[in-house]
Amino acid sequence: MSDEKLLQQFVDSFQRRDDCIALDEDVPPEMIVKRDVESWDELQKWQPICVKTRLSELNALYSRIGGRFPILYEQLILSYR
């Protein structure tokens, strides 16, 4: 399986989880899972969203920690929020 497919499979798994509850009002609206039915007793859930970030954005962090993240994790944080 390619790294891209593996990352997509990981991100897609969040839709099946019950513990992705948006308790904080600071969750961006685009991350809130849209529901077909409004119910006052059901908590809002969040999901990762695709946000492309340049690798250069990690340079300051890498210089502070003196190393790099593993490649697959780097791809994850550069692709999703």
Protein backbone atom coordinates (compact mmCIF):
# COMPACT_ATOMS: atom_id res chain seq x y z
CA MET A 1 0.00 0.00 0.00
CA SER A 2 1.36 3.44 -0.87
CA ASP A 3 1.97 6.01 1.85
CA GLU A 4 -0.69 8.24 0.31
CA LYS A 5 -3.31 5.49 0.50
CA LEU A 6 -2.25 4.60 4.03
CA LEU A 7 -2.65 8.22 5.16
CA GLN A 8 -6.04 8.47 3.47
CA GLN A 9 -7.16 5.25 5.14
CA PHE A 10 -6.04 6.63 8.53
CA VAL A 11 -7.87 9.94 8.00
CA ASP A 12 -11.02 8.14 6.79
CA SER A 13 -11.04 6.07 9.99
CA PHE A 14 -11.95 9.19 12.00
CA GLN A 15 -15.46 9.09 10.50
CA ARG A 16 -16.04 5.73 12.18
CA ARG A 17 -14.87 6.81 15.62
CA ASP A 18 -17.25 7.81 18.39
CA ASP A 19 -14.76 9.83 20.41
CA CYS A 20 -14.14 12.67 17.93
CA ILE A 21 -16.39 15.03 19.85
CA ALA A 22 -16.03 18.78 19.34
CA LEU A 23 -16.16 20.02 22.93
CA ASP A 24 -14.26 23.22 22.29
CA GLU A 25 -15.91 26.18 20.57
CA ASP A 26 -12.56 26.84 18.86
CA VAL A 27 -13.01 23.91 16.46
CA PRO A 28 -13.11 25.47 12.98
CA PRO A 29 -16.55 25.11 11.35
CA GLU A 30 -15.08 23.30 8.34
CA MET A 31 -13.97 20.48 10.66
CA ILE A 32 -17.45 19.91 12.13
CA VAL A 33 -19.18 16.83 10.72
CA LYS A 34 -22.42 17.82 9.02
CA ARG A 35 -25.43 15.89 10.24
CA ASP A 36 -28.63 15.15 8.34
CA VAL A 37 -30.79 15.42 11.45
CA GLU A 38 -30.48 18.00 14.19
CA SER A 39 -30.75 16.53 17.66
CA TRP A 40 -30.16 18.43 20.86
CA ASP A 41 -28.86 15.33 22.65
CA GLU A 42 -26.20 14.46 20.08
CA LEU A 43 -22.82 16.12 20.46
CA GLN A 44 -21.09 17.64 17.47
CA LYS A 45 -18.24 15.63 16.03
CA TRP A 46 -15.18 16.75 14.12
CA GLN A 47 -13.17 15.23 11.31
CA PRO A 48 -9.75 16.00 9.82
CA ILE A 49 -9.73 18.26 6.79
CA CYS A 50 -7.28 18.42 3.91
CA VAL A 51 -5.02 21.48 4.22
CA LYS A 52 -1.84 21.49 2.16
CA THR A 53 1.16 23.06 3.89
CA ARG A 54 4.63 23.66 2.47
CA LEU A 55 7.48 21.61 3.92
CA SER A 56 9.37 24.86 4.55
CA GLU A 57 6.78 25.69 7.26
CA LEU A 58 8.42 23.04 9.46
CA ASN A 59 11.94 24.49 9.21
CA ALA A 60 11.67 26.64 12.35
CA LEU A 61 10.35 23.71 14.37
CA TYR A 62 13.00 21.36 13.02
CA SER A 63 15.74 23.81 13.96
CA ARG A 64 14.36 23.99 17.54
CA ILE A 65 14.06 20.24 18.04
CA GLY A 66 17.28 19.36 16.25
CA GLY A 67 15.78 16.68 14.04
CA ARG A 68 12.93 15.74 11.76
CA PHE A 69 9.69 13.84 12.11
CA PRO A 70 9.36 10.44 10.42
CA ILE A 71 8.40 10.86 6.75
CA LEU A 72 4.87 9.44 7.06
CA TYR A 73 4.05 11.66 10.06
CA GLU A 74 5.51 14.65 8.22
CA GLN A 75 3.22 13.91 5.27
CA LEU A 76 0.25 13.67 7.63
CA ILE A 77 0.80 17.02 9.34
CA LEU A 78 1.57 18.73 6.05
CA SER A 79 -1.67 17.43 4.52
CA TYR A 80 -4.36 17.46 7.21
CA ARG A 81 -5.63 19.45 10.21
